Each structure stands twice: as structure tokens, then as C-alpha cells.
């Protein structure tokens, strides 16, 4: 391992900024995707049966609960794991361990 591959607290600060932006974008996309899908379900139902507005609202809510919410929760858990891994790496660095960037993995 090369000394230039060692992580510092400044490297972690930059990584956290990047992760923050990526997290915001992916959570926004997951939220918007679920809402758009639910809206499409409602629109298709209204197109097929124009006088059943309550049923289309129910179908939109059900589609969000069944498809949109699990997608959003998946990404929330994903980013929580990454933030936890960054916190663990920070603890290792603060403890004086040599942490190499090539050995840090996120799953």
C-alpha cells in the first residue's frame, strides 16, 4: 500500500459532501418516481372509467404504498448504510489506524 492511498479526515469531509448530494438526488428521484407512477395509475383508471374518481384516488394511494414507498425505503436504508460506513471509517482514522482508500468498501 502506498502512503498516498491513506485516507484523512479531509478526504472523509469531501466524501460526505458528495454522498450528501447523491443521497438527496436519489431520494428525490425515488419519491418523484413513486408519485409519478401513482399518478399514471390514477390517470389510466380515470381514462378507462371517467366517473370513478374515488376509485382512482384509492388506486393511486395503493400503488404508492405497494410500489413507491418500498422503493423509497430501500434507498433510505441504502444511504443509511453508507453514512454508517463513513462514520466507522472516521472512527478508525481518529483512533490512529491507517485506513487505505482502496480497502474501504460499501455494500
PDB file of N, CA and C in Angstrom:
ATOM      1  N   UNK A   1       0.822  -1.180   0.000  1.00  0.00           N
ATOM      2  CA  UNK A   1       0.000   0.000   0.000  1.00  0.00           C
ATOM      3  C   UNK A   1       0.872   1.251   0.000  1.00  0.00           C
ATOM      4  N   UNK A   2       0.424   2.225  -0.708  1.00  0.00           N
ATOM      5  CA  UNK A   2       1.152   3.482  -0.826  1.00  0.00           C
ATOM      6  C   UNK A   2       0.592   4.479   0.187  1.00  0.00           C
ATOM      7  N   UNK A   3       1.431   5.325   0.707  1.00  0.00           N
ATOM      8  CA  UNK A   3       1.020   6.315   1.703  1.00  0.00           C
ATOM      9  C   UNK A   3       0.017   7.316   1.121  1.00  0.00           C
ATOM     10  N   UNK A   4       0.050   7.518  -0.186  1.00  0.00           N
ATOM     11  CA  UNK A   4      -0.894   8.460  -0.813  1.00  0.00           C
ATOM     12  C   UNK A   4      -2.316   7.891  -0.851  1.00  0.00           C
ATOM     13  N   UNK A   5      -2.442   6.591  -0.581  1.00  0.00           N
ATOM     14  CA  UNK A   5      -3.751   5.949  -0.570  1.00  0.00           C
ATOM     15  C   UNK A   5      -4.416   6.042   0.803  1.00  0.00           C
ATOM     16  N   UNK A   6      -3.697   6.577   1.794  1.00  0.00           N
ATOM     17  CA  UNK A   6      -4.256   6.705   3.145  1.00  0.00           C
ATOM     18  C   UNK A   6      -5.329   7.796   3.170  1.00  0.00           C
ATOM     19  N   UNK A   7      -6.407   7.503   3.857  1.00  0.00           N
ATOM     20  CA  UNK A   7      -7.493   8.472   3.976  1.00  0.00           C
ATOM     21  C   UNK A   7      -7.245   9.407   5.146  1.00  0.00           C
ATOM     22  N   UNK A   8      -7.701  10.628   4.985  1.00  0.00           N
ATOM     23  CA  UNK A   8      -7.605  11.614   6.057  1.00  0.00           C
ATOM     24  C   UNK A   8      -9.013  12.126   6.363  1.00  0.00           C
ATOM     25  N   UNK A   9      -9.117  12.927   7.406  1.00  0.00           N
ATOM     26  CA  UNK A   9     -10.419  13.496   7.749  1.00  0.00           C
ATOM     27  C   UNK A   9     -10.926  14.441   6.671  1.00  0.00           C
ATOM     28  N   UNK A  10     -10.006  15.107   5.976  1.00  0.00           N
ATOM     29  CA  UNK A  10     -10.411  15.986   4.869  1.00  0.00           C
ATOM     30  C   UNK A  10     -11.007  15.164   3.727  1.00  0.00           C
ATOM     31  N   UNK A  11     -10.431  13.993   3.466  1.00  0.00           N
ATOM     32  CA  UNK A  11     -10.984  13.116   2.432  1.00  0.00           C
ATOM     33  C   UNK A  11     -12.397  12.687   2.794  1.00  0.00           C
ATOM     34  N   UNK A  12     -12.588  12.384   4.062  1.00  0.00           N
ATOM     35  CA  UNK A  12     -13.929  11.992   4.509  1.00  0.00           C
ATOM     36  C   UNK A  12     -14.919  13.148   4.412  1.00  0.00           C
ATOM     37  N   UNK A  13     -14.471  14.345   4.689  1.00  0.00           N
ATOM     38  CA  UNK A  13     -15.358  15.505   4.571  1.00  0.00           C
ATOM     39  C   UNK A  13     -15.807  15.693   3.122  1.00  0.00           C
ATOM     40  N   UNK A  14     -14.869  15.539   2.192  1.00  0.00           N
ATOM     41  CA  UNK A  14     -15.229  15.646   0.769  1.00  0.00           C
ATOM     42  C   UNK A  14     -16.174  14.519   0.373  1.00  0.00           C
ATOM     43  N   UNK A  15     -15.904  13.321   0.866  1.00  0.00           N
ATOM     44  CA  UNK A  15     -16.768  12.181   0.540  1.00  0.00           C
ATOM     45  C   UNK A  15     -18.173  12.395   1.094  1.00  0.00           C
ATOM     46  N   UNK A  16     -18.257  12.951   2.283  1.00  0.00           N
ATOM     47  CA  UNK A  16     -19.580  13.201   2.875  1.00  0.00           C
ATOM     48  C   UNK A  16     -20.373  14.229   2.071  1.00  0.00           C
ATOM     49  N   UNK A  17     -19.699  15.240   1.552  1.00  0.00           N
ATOM     50  CA  UNK A  17     -20.391  16.229   0.722  1.00  0.00           C
ATOM     51  C   UNK A  17     -20.932  15.577  -0.543  1.00  0.00           C
ATOM     52  N   UNK A  18     -20.108  14.750  -1.169  1.00  0.00           N
ATOM     53  CA  UNK A  18     -20.525  14.068  -2.392  1.00  0.00           C
ATOM     54  C   UNK A  18     -21.673  13.110  -2.097  1.00  0.00           C
ATOM     55  N   UNK A  19     -21.558  12.358  -1.015  1.00  0.00           N
ATOM     56  CA  UNK A  19     -22.606  11.418  -0.629  1.00  0.00           C
ATOM     57  C   UNK A  19     -23.902  12.159  -0.325  1.00  0.00           C
ATOM     58  N   UNK A  20     -23.800  13.313   0.303  1.00  0.00           N
ATOM     59  CA  UNK A  20     -24.986  14.097   0.628  1.00  0.00           C
ATOM     60  C   UNK A  20     -25.741  14.507  -0.629  1.00  0.00           C
ATOM     61  N   UNK A  21     -25.011  14.967  -1.636  1.00  0.00           N
ATOM     62  CA  UNK A  21     -25.647  15.377  -2.894  1.00  0.00           C
ATOM     63  C   UNK A  21     -26.266  14.166  -3.589  1.00  0.00           C
ATOM     64  N   UNK A  22     -25.525  13.070  -3.652  1.00  0.00           N
ATOM     65  CA  UNK A  22     -26.033  11.869  -4.310  1.00  0.00           C
ATOM     66  C   UNK A  22     -27.252  11.318  -3.571  1.00  0.00           C
ATOM     67  N   UNK A  23     -27.219  11.362  -2.238  1.00  0.00           N
ATOM     68  CA  UNK A  23     -28.336  10.881  -1.431  1.00  0.00           C
ATOM     69  C   UNK A  23     -29.582  11.716  -1.709  1.00  0.00           C
ATOM     70  N   UNK A  24     -29.435  13.031  -1.716  1.00  0.00           N
ATOM     71  CA  UNK A  24     -30.567  13.906  -1.978  1.00  0.00           C
ATOM     72  C   UNK A  24     -31.178  13.619  -3.344  1.00  0.00           C
ATOM     73  N   UNK A  25     -30.325  13.479  -4.346  1.00  0.00           N
ATOM     74  CA  UNK A  25     -30.830  13.249  -5.699  1.00  0.00           C
ATOM     75  C   UNK A  25     -31.544  11.910  -5.821  1.00  0.00           C
ATOM     76  N   UNK A  26     -30.972  10.868  -5.236  1.00  0.00           N
ATOM     77  CA  UNK A  26     -31.595   9.552  -5.377  1.00  0.00           C
ATOM     78  C   UNK A  26     -32.894   9.465  -4.577  1.00  0.00           C
ATOM     79  N   UNK A  27     -32.944  10.084  -3.393  1.00  0.00           N
ATOM     80  CA  UNK A  27     -34.187  10.076  -2.624  1.00  0.00           C
ATOM     81  C   UNK A  27     -35.259  10.924  -3.312  1.00  0.00           C
ATOM     82  N   UNK A  28     -34.852  12.021  -3.916  1.00  0.00           N
ATOM     83  CA  UNK A  28     -35.801  12.837  -4.670  1.00  0.00           C
ATOM     84  C   UNK A  28     -36.345  12.059  -5.869  1.00  0.00           C
ATOM     85  N   UNK A  29     -35.463  11.350  -6.566  1.00  0.00           N
ATOM     86  CA  UNK A  29     -35.899  10.558  -7.719  1.00  0.00           C
ATOM     87  C   UNK A  29     -36.811   9.416  -7.295  1.00  0.00           C
ATOM     88  N   UNK A  30     -36.495   8.767  -6.178  1.00  0.00           N
ATOM     89  CA  UNK A  30     -37.349   7.676  -5.707  1.00  0.00           C
ATOM     90  C   UNK A  30     -38.720   8.194  -5.297  1.00  0.00           C
ATOM     91  N   UNK A  31     -38.755   9.326  -4.626  1.00  0.00           N
ATOM     92  CA  UNK A  31     -40.028   9.911  -4.214  1.00  0.00           C
ATOM     93  C   UNK A  31     -40.838  10.337  -5.436  1.00  0.00           C
ATOM     94  N   UNK A  32     -40.185  11.048  -6.339  1.00  0.00           N
ATOM     95  CA  UNK A  32     -40.879  11.513  -7.543  1.00  0.00           C
ATOM     96  C   UNK A  32     -41.325  10.340  -8.404  1.00  0.00           C
ATOM     97  N   UNK A  33     -40.485   9.318  -8.520  1.00  0.00           N
ATOM     98  CA  UNK A  33     -40.855   8.152  -9.321  1.00  0.00           C
ATOM     99  C   UNK A  33     -42.094   7.458  -8.790  1.00  0.00           C
ATOM    100  N   UNK A  34     -42.162   7.300  -7.474  1.00  0.00           N
ATOM    101  CA  UNK A  34     -43.343   6.675  -6.883  1.00  0.00           C
ATOM    102  C   UNK A  34     -44.598   7.506  -7.095  1.00  0.00           C
ATOM    103  N   UNK A  35     -44.450   8.822  -6.945  1.00  0.00           N
ATOM    104  CA  UNK A  35     -45.608   9.702  -7.133  1.00  0.00           C
ATOM    105  C   UNK A  35     -46.047   9.746  -8.597  1.00  0.00           C
ATOM    106  N   UNK A  36     -45.087   9.761  -9.499  1.00  0.00           N
ATOM    107  CA  UNK A  36     -45.428   9.772 -10.931  1.00  0.00           C
ATOM    108  C   UNK A  36     -46.126   8.477 -11.322  1.00  0.00           C
ATOM    109  N   UNK A  37     -45.591   7.352 -10.831  1.00  0.00           N
ATOM    110  CA  UNK A  37     -46.226   6.067 -11.129  1.00  0.00           C
ATOM    111  C   UNK A  37     -47.652   6.022 -10.582  1.00  0.00           C
ATOM    112  N   UNK A  38     -47.832   6.499  -9.371  1.00  0.00           N
ATOM    113  CA  UNK A  38     -49.176   6.530  -8.779  1.00  0.00           C
ATOM    114  C   UNK A  38     -50.108   7.431  -9.586  1.00  0.00           C
ATOM    115  N   UNK A  39     -49.593   8.557 -10.026  1.00  0.00           N
ATOM    116  CA  UNK A  39     -50.392   9.455 -10.863  1.00  0.00           C
ATOM    117  C   UNK A  39     -50.774   8.817 -12.185  1.00  0.00           C
ATOM    118  N   UNK A  40     -49.846   8.063 -12.765  1.00  0.00           N
ATOM    119  CA  UNK A  40     -50.169   7.370 -14.019  1.00  0.00           C
ATOM    120  C   UNK A  40     -51.240   6.311 -13.811  1.00  0.00           C
ATOM    121  N   UNK A  41     -51.157   5.591 -12.697  1.00  0.00           N
ATOM    122  CA  UNK A  41     -52.188   4.585 -12.398  1.00  0.00           C
ATOM    123  C   UNK A  41     -53.552   5.270 -12.288  1.00  0.00           C
ATOM    124  N   UNK A  42     -53.595   6.382 -11.577  1.00  0.00           N
ATOM    125  CA  UNK A  42     -54.857   7.107 -11.429  1.00  0.00           C
ATOM    126  C   UNK A  42     -55.346   7.637 -12.777  1.00  0.00           C
ATOM    127  N   UNK A  43     -54.431   8.150 -13.581  1.00  0.00           N
ATOM    128  CA  UNK A  43     -54.826   8.693 -14.887  1.00  0.00           C
ATOM    129  C   UNK A  43     -55.371   7.599 -15.805  1.00  0.00           C
ATOM    130  N   UNK A  44     -54.726   6.447 -15.793  1.00  0.00           N
ATOM    131  CA  UNK A  44     -55.217   5.343 -16.632  1.00  0.00           C
ATOM    132  C   UNK A  44     -56.592   4.895 -16.158  1.00  0.00           C
ATOM    133  N   UNK A  45     -56.790   4.808 -14.852  1.00  0.00           N
ATOM    134  CA  UNK A  45     -58.098   4.409 -14.321  1.00  0.00           C
ATOM    135  C   UNK A  45     -59.166   5.434 -14.710  1.00  0.00           C
ATOM    136  N   UNK A  46     -58.822   6.726 -14.594  1.00  0.00           N
ATOM    137  CA  UNK A  46     -59.791   7.760 -14.978  1.00  0.00           C
ATOM    138  C   UNK A  46     -60.055   7.762 -16.470  1.00  0.00           C
ATOM    139  N   UNK A  47     -59.073   7.387 -17.263  1.00  0.00           N
ATOM    140  CA  UNK A  47     -59.266   7.323 -18.703  1.00  0.00           C
ATOM    141  C   UNK A  47     -60.212   6.180 -19.058  1.00  0.00           C
ATOM    142  N   UNK A  48     -60.049   5.057 -18.334  1.00  0.00           N
ATOM    143  CA  UNK A  48     -60.917   3.913 -18.608  1.00  0.00           C
ATOM    144  C   UNK A  48     -62.312   4.096 -18.018  1.00  0.00           C
ATOM    145  N   UNK A  49     -62.399   4.698 -16.853  1.00  0.00           N
ATOM    146  CA  UNK A  49     -63.682   4.912 -16.174  1.00  0.00           C
ATOM    147  C   UNK A  49     -63.721   6.332 -15.628  1.00  0.00           C
ATOM    148  N   UNK A  50     -64.102   7.297 -16.450  1.00  0.00           N
ATOM    149  CA  UNK A  50     -64.004   8.706 -16.081  1.00  0.00           C
ATOM    150  C   UNK A  50     -64.844   9.144 -14.888  1.00  0.00           C
ATOM    151  N   UNK A  51     -65.885   8.416 -14.549  1.00  0.00           N
ATOM    152  CA  UNK A  51     -66.757   8.861 -13.466  1.00  0.00           C
ATOM    153  C   UNK A  51     -66.443   8.189 -12.132  1.00  0.00           C
ATOM    154  N   UNK A  52     -65.305   7.536 -11.998  1.00  0.00           N
ATOM    155  CA  UNK A  52     -64.939   6.861 -10.749  1.00  0.00           C
ATOM    156  C   UNK A  52     -63.697   7.513 -10.124  1.00  0.00           C
ATOM    157  N   UNK A  53     -63.842   8.741  -9.722  1.00  0.00           N
ATOM    158  CA  UNK A  53     -62.738   9.481  -9.110  1.00  0.00           C
ATOM    159  C   UNK A  53     -62.280   8.879  -7.771  1.00  0.00           C
ATOM    160  N   UNK A  54     -63.185   8.512  -6.866  1.00  0.00           N
ATOM    161  CA  UNK A  54     -62.718   7.926  -5.600  1.00  0.00           C
ATOM    162  C   UNK A  54     -61.912   6.637  -5.796  1.00  0.00           C
ATOM    163  N   UNK A  55     -62.302   5.837  -6.759  1.00  0.00           N
ATOM    164  CA  UNK A  55     -61.567   4.599  -7.031  1.00  0.00           C
ATOM    165  C   UNK A  55     -60.170   4.903  -7.566  1.00  0.00           C
ATOM    166  N   UNK A  56     -60.045   5.928  -8.395  1.00  0.00           N
ATOM    167  CA  UNK A  56     -58.727   6.274  -8.928  1.00  0.00           C
ATOM    168  C   UNK A  56     -57.813   6.814  -7.836  1.00  0.00           C
ATOM    169  N   UNK A  57     -58.380   7.575  -6.900  1.00  0.00           N
ATOM    170  CA  UNK A  57     -57.583   8.076  -5.773  1.00  0.00           C
ATOM    171  C   UNK A  57     -57.124   6.910  -4.907  1.00  0.00           C
ATOM    172  N   UNK A  58     -58.010   5.958  -4.668  1.00  0.00           N
ATOM    173  CA  UNK A  58     -57.646   4.783  -3.888  1.00  0.00           C
ATOM    174  C   UNK A  58     -56.550   3.979  -4.595  1.00  0.00           C
ATOM    175  N   UNK A  59     -56.691   3.789  -5.899  1.00  0.00           N
ATOM    176  CA  UNK A  59     -55.681   3.044  -6.654  1.00  0.00           C
ATOM    177  C   UNK A  59     -54.331   3.773  -6.645  1.00  0.00           C
ATOM    178  N   UNK A  60     -54.359   5.085  -6.740  1.00  0.00           N
ATOM    179  CA  UNK A  60     -53.107   5.846  -6.693  1.00  0.00           C
ATOM    180  C   UNK A  60     -52.431   5.676  -5.337  1.00  0.00           C
ATOM    181  N   UNK A  61     -53.205   5.759  -4.266  1.00  0.00           N
ATOM    182  CA  UNK A  61     -52.635   5.579  -2.922  1.00  0.00           C
ATOM    183  C   UNK A  61     -52.115   4.163  -2.742  1.00  0.00           C
ATOM    184  N   UNK A  62     -52.862   3.181  -3.219  1.00  0.00           N
ATOM    185  CA  UNK A  62     -52.423   1.793  -3.104  1.00  0.00           C
ATOM    186  C   UNK A  62     -51.159   1.548  -3.924  1.00  0.00           C
ATOM    187  N   UNK A  63     -51.075   2.125  -5.114  1.00  0.00           N
ATOM    188  CA  UNK A  63     -49.880   1.960  -5.949  1.00  0.00           C
ATOM    189  C   UNK A  63     -48.669   2.577  -5.280  1.00  0.00           C
ATOM    190  N   UNK A  64     -48.852   3.710  -4.615  1.00  0.00           N
ATOM    191  CA  UNK A  64     -47.720   4.329  -3.920  1.00  0.00           C
ATOM    192  C   UNK A  64     -47.285   3.468  -2.738  1.00  0.00           C
ATOM    193  N   UNK A  65     -48.235   2.950  -1.990  1.00  0.00           N
ATOM    194  CA  UNK A  65     -47.893   2.118  -0.831  1.00  0.00           C
ATOM    195  C   UNK A  65     -47.222   0.819  -1.275  1.00  0.00           C
ATOM    196  N   UNK A  66     -47.679   0.239  -2.365  1.00  0.00           N
ATOM    197  CA  UNK A  66     -47.144  -1.045  -2.813  1.00  0.00           C
ATOM    198  C   UNK A  66     -45.832  -0.886  -3.575  1.00  0.00           C
ATOM    199  N   UNK A  67     -45.703   0.151  -4.396  1.00  0.00           N
ATOM    200  CA  UNK A  67     -44.517   0.288  -5.238  1.00  0.00           C
ATOM    201  C   UNK A  67     -43.608   1.455  -4.843  1.00  0.00           C
ATOM    202  N   UNK A  68     -44.166   2.618  -4.634  1.00  0.00           N
ATOM    203  CA  UNK A  68     -43.356   3.806  -4.378  1.00  0.00           C
ATOM    204  C   UNK A  68     -42.697   3.820  -3.012  1.00  0.00           C
ATOM    205  N   UNK A  69     -43.440   3.478  -1.991  1.00  0.00           N
ATOM    206  CA  UNK A  69     -42.902   3.505  -0.635  1.00  0.00           C
ATOM    207  C   UNK A  69     -41.784   2.488  -0.419  1.00  0.00           C
ATOM    208  N   UNK A  70     -41.931   1.232  -0.877  1.00  0.00           N
ATOM    209  CA  UNK A  70     -40.807   0.300  -0.733  1.00  0.00           C
ATOM    210  C   UNK A  70     -39.544   0.760  -1.464  1.00  0.00           C
ATOM    211  N   UNK A  71     -39.711   1.379  -2.620  1.00  0.00           N
ATOM    212  CA  UNK A  71     -38.555   1.904  -3.341  1.00  0.00           C
ATOM    213  C   UNK A  71     -37.863   2.998  -2.539  1.00  0.00           C
ATOM    214  N   UNK A  72     -38.650   3.899  -1.987  1.00  0.00           N
ATOM    215  CA  UNK A  72     -38.092   4.970  -1.172  1.00  0.00           C
ATOM    216  C   UNK A  72     -37.405   4.417   0.074  1.00  0.00           C
ATOM    217  N   UNK A  73     -38.028   3.462   0.741  1.00  0.00           N
ATOM    218  CA  UNK A  73     -37.425   2.869   1.934  1.00  0.00           C
ATOM    219  C   UNK A  73     -36.135   2.125   1.613  1.00  0.00           C
ATOM    220  N   UNK A  74     -36.081   1.482   0.466  1.00  0.00           N
ATOM    221  CA  UNK A  74     -34.847   0.813   0.047  1.00  0.00           C
ATOM    222  C   UNK A  74     -33.695   1.808  -0.043  1.00  0.00           C
ATOM    223  N   UNK A  75     -33.950   2.934  -0.679  1.00  0.00           N
ATOM    224  CA  UNK A  75     -32.879   3.920  -0.847  1.00  0.00           C
ATOM    225  C   UNK A  75     -32.514   4.609   0.465  1.00  0.00           C
ATOM    226  N   UNK A  76     -33.490   4.806   1.338  1.00  0.00           N
ATOM    227  CA  UNK A  76     -33.183   5.376   2.653  1.00  0.00           C
ATOM    228  C   UNK A  76     -32.244   4.442   3.412  1.00  0.00           C
ATOM    229  N   UNK A  77     -32.556   3.144   3.419  1.00  0.00           N
ATOM    230  CA  UNK A  77     -31.689   2.173   4.101  1.00  0.00           C
ATOM    231  C   UNK A  77     -30.319   2.098   3.447  1.00  0.00           C
ATOM    232  N   UNK A  78     -30.277   2.152   2.127  1.00  0.00           N
ATOM    233  CA  UNK A  78     -29.012   2.107   1.397  1.00  0.00           C
ATOM    234  C   UNK A  78     -28.096   3.251   1.818  1.00  0.00           C
ATOM    235  N   UNK A  79     -28.625   4.460   1.822  1.00  0.00           N
ATOM    236  CA  UNK A  79     -27.804   5.620   2.175  1.00  0.00           C
ATOM    237  C   UNK A  79     -27.460   5.647   3.657  1.00  0.00           C
ATOM    238  N   UNK A  80     -28.321   5.091   4.485  1.00  0.00           N
ATOM    239  CA  UNK A  80     -28.011   5.000   5.912  1.00  0.00           C
ATOM    240  C   UNK A  80     -26.806   4.089   6.138  1.00  0.00           C
ATOM    241  N   UNK A  81     -26.750   2.988   5.389  1.00  0.00           N
ATOM    242  CA  UNK A  81     -25.598   2.079   5.499  1.00  0.00           C
ATOM    243  C   UNK A  81     -24.309   2.769   5.059  1.00  0.00           C
ATOM    244  N   UNK A  82     -24.376   3.551   4.001  1.00  0.00           N
ATOM    245  CA  UNK A  82     -23.189   4.253   3.522  1.00  0.00           C
ATOM    246  C   UNK A  82     -22.740   5.290   4.544  1.00  0.00           C
ATOM    247  N   UNK A  83     -23.670   6.029   5.109  1.00  0.00           N
ATOM    248  CA  UNK A  83     -23.302   7.023   6.127  1.00  0.00           C
ATOM    249  C   UNK A  83     -22.713   6.354   7.367  1.00  0.00           C
ATOM    250  N   UNK A  84     -23.238   5.191   7.726  1.00  0.00           N
ATOM    251  CA  UNK A  84     -22.700   4.452   8.868  1.00  0.00           C
ATOM    252  C   UNK A  84     -21.283   3.970   8.572  1.00  0.00           C
ATOM    253  N   UNK A  85     -21.054   3.510   7.347  1.00  0.00           N
ATOM    254  CA  UNK A  85     -19.709   3.056   6.968  1.00  0.00           C
ATOM    255  C   UNK A  85     -18.732   4.226   6.999  1.00  0.00           C
ATOM    256  N   UNK A  86     -19.144   5.393   6.542  1.00  0.00           N
ATOM    257  CA  UNK A  86     -18.278   6.569   6.626  1.00  0.00           C
ATOM    258  C   UNK A  86     -17.981   6.932   8.080  1.00  0.00           C
ATOM    259  N   UNK A  87     -18.962   6.790   8.946  1.00  0.00           N
ATOM    260  CA  UNK A  87     -18.735   7.068  10.367  1.00  0.00           C
ATOM    261  C   UNK A  87     -17.753   6.070  10.964  1.00  0.00           C
ATOM    262  N   UNK A  88     -17.857   4.813  10.558  1.00  0.00           N
ATOM    263  CA  UNK A  88     -16.909   3.799  11.041  1.00  0.00           C
ATOM    264  C   UNK A  88     -15.490   4.088  10.574  1.00  0.00           C
ATOM    265  N   UNK A  89     -15.357   4.508   9.330  1.00  0.00           N
ATOM    266  CA  UNK A  89     -14.028   4.851   8.812  1.00  0.00           C
ATOM    267  C   UNK A  89     -13.476   6.056   9.569  1.00  0.00           C
ATOM    268  N   UNK A  90     -14.322   7.027   9.864  1.00  0.00           N
ATOM    269  CA  UNK A  90     -13.862   8.183  10.630  1.00  0.00           C
ATOM    270  C   UNK A  90     -13.375   7.767  12.018  1.00  0.00           C
ATOM    271  N   UNK A  91     -14.098   6.859  12.655  1.00  0.00           N
ATOM    272  CA  UNK A  91     -13.657   6.372  13.964  1.00  0.00           C
ATOM    273  C   UNK A  91     -12.301   5.677  13.876  1.00  0.00           C
ATOM    274  N   UNK A  92     -12.095   4.922  12.814  1.00  0.00           N
ATOM    275  CA  UNK A  92     -10.805   4.252  12.623  1.00  0.00           C
ATOM    276  C   UNK A  92      -9.687   5.272  12.453  1.00  0.00           C
ATOM    277  N   UNK A  93      -9.939   6.311  11.671  1.00  0.00           N
ATOM    278  CA  UNK A  93      -8.915   7.332  11.436  1.00  0.00           C
ATOM    279  C   UNK A  93      -8.628   8.084  12.729  1.00  0.00           C
ATOM    280  N   UNK A  94      -9.667   8.443  13.454  1.00  0.00           N
ATOM    281  CA  UNK A  94      -9.475   9.165  14.717  1.00  0.00           C
ATOM    282  C   UNK A  94      -8.755   8.304  15.758  1.00  0.00           C
ATOM    283  N   UNK A  95      -8.895   6.989  15.643  1.00  0.00           N
ATOM    284  CA  UNK A  95      -8.205   6.086  16.565  1.00  0.00           C
ATOM    285  C   UNK A  95      -6.742   5.904  16.189  1.00  0.00           C
ATOM    286  N   UNK A  96      -6.324   6.484  15.074  1.00  0.00           N
ATOM    287  CA  UNK A  96      -4.927   6.416  14.664  1.00  0.00           C
ATOM    288  C   UNK A  96      -4.593   5.283  13.708  1.00  0.00           C
ATOM    289  N   UNK A  97      -5.614   4.577  13.227  1.00  0.00           N
ATOM    290  CA  UNK A  97      -5.366   3.492  12.285  1.00  0.00           C
ATOM    291  C   UNK A  97      -5.075   4.063  10.899  1.00  0.00           C
ATOM    292  N   UNK A  98      -4.292   3.313  10.144  1.00  0.00           N
ATOM    293  CA  UNK A  98      -4.030   3.668   8.755  1.00  0.00           C
ATOM    294  C   UNK A  98      -5.132   3.029   7.913  1.00  0.00           C
ATOM    295  N   UNK A  99      -5.997   3.838   7.357  1.00  0.00           N
ATOM    296  CA  UNK A  99      -7.095   3.345   6.536  1.00  0.00           C
ATOM    297  C   UNK A  99      -6.782   3.694   5.094  1.00  0.00           C
ATOM    298  N   UNK A 100      -6.727   2.662   4.266  1.00  0.00           N
ATOM    299  CA  UNK A 100      -6.413   2.864   2.853  1.00  0.00           C
ATOM    300  C   UNK A 100      -7.704   2.943   2.049  1.00  0.00           C
ATOM    301  N   UNK A 101      -7.760   3.913   1.168  1.00  0.00           N
ATOM    302  CA  UNK A 101      -8.957   4.126   0.354  1.00  0.00           C
ATOM    303  C   UNK A 101      -9.302   2.931  -0.516  1.00  0.00           C
ATOM    304  N   UNK A 102      -8.297   2.222  -0.991  1.00  0.00           N
ATOM    305  CA  UNK A 102      -8.560   1.067  -1.850  1.00  0.00           C
ATOM    306  C   UNK A 102      -9.160  -0.100  -1.078  1.00  0.00           C
ATOM    307  N   UNK A 103      -9.093  -0.058   0.237  1.00  0.00           N
ATOM    308  CA  UNK A 103      -9.650  -1.152   1.036  1.00  0.00           C
ATOM    309  C   UNK A 103     -11.027  -0.839   1.624  1.00  0.00           C
ATOM    310  N   UNK A 104     -11.466   0.387   1.499  1.00  0.00           N
ATOM    311  CA  UNK A 104     -12.789   0.759   2.012  1.00  0.00           C
ATOM    312  C   UNK A 104     -13.828   0.346   0.982  1.00  0.00           C
ATOM    313  N   UNK A 105     -14.800  -0.438   1.424  1.00  0.00           N
ATOM    314  CA  UNK A 105     -15.839  -0.932   0.520  1.00  0.00           C
ATOM    315  C   UNK A 105     -17.203  -0.565   1.079  1.00  0.00           C
ATOM    316  N   UNK A 106     -18.121  -0.292   0.166  1.00  0.00           N
ATOM    317  CA  UNK A 106     -19.501  -0.006   0.518  1.00  0.00           C
ATOM    318  C   UNK A 106     -20.374  -1.039  -0.147  1.00  0.00           C
ATOM    319  N   UNK A 107     -21.208  -1.697   0.624  1.00  0.00           N
ATOM    320  CA  UNK A 107     -22.087  -2.727   0.071  1.00  0.00           C
ATOM    321  C   UNK A 107     -23.515  -2.303   0.224  1.00  0.00           C
TER     322      UNK A 107
END
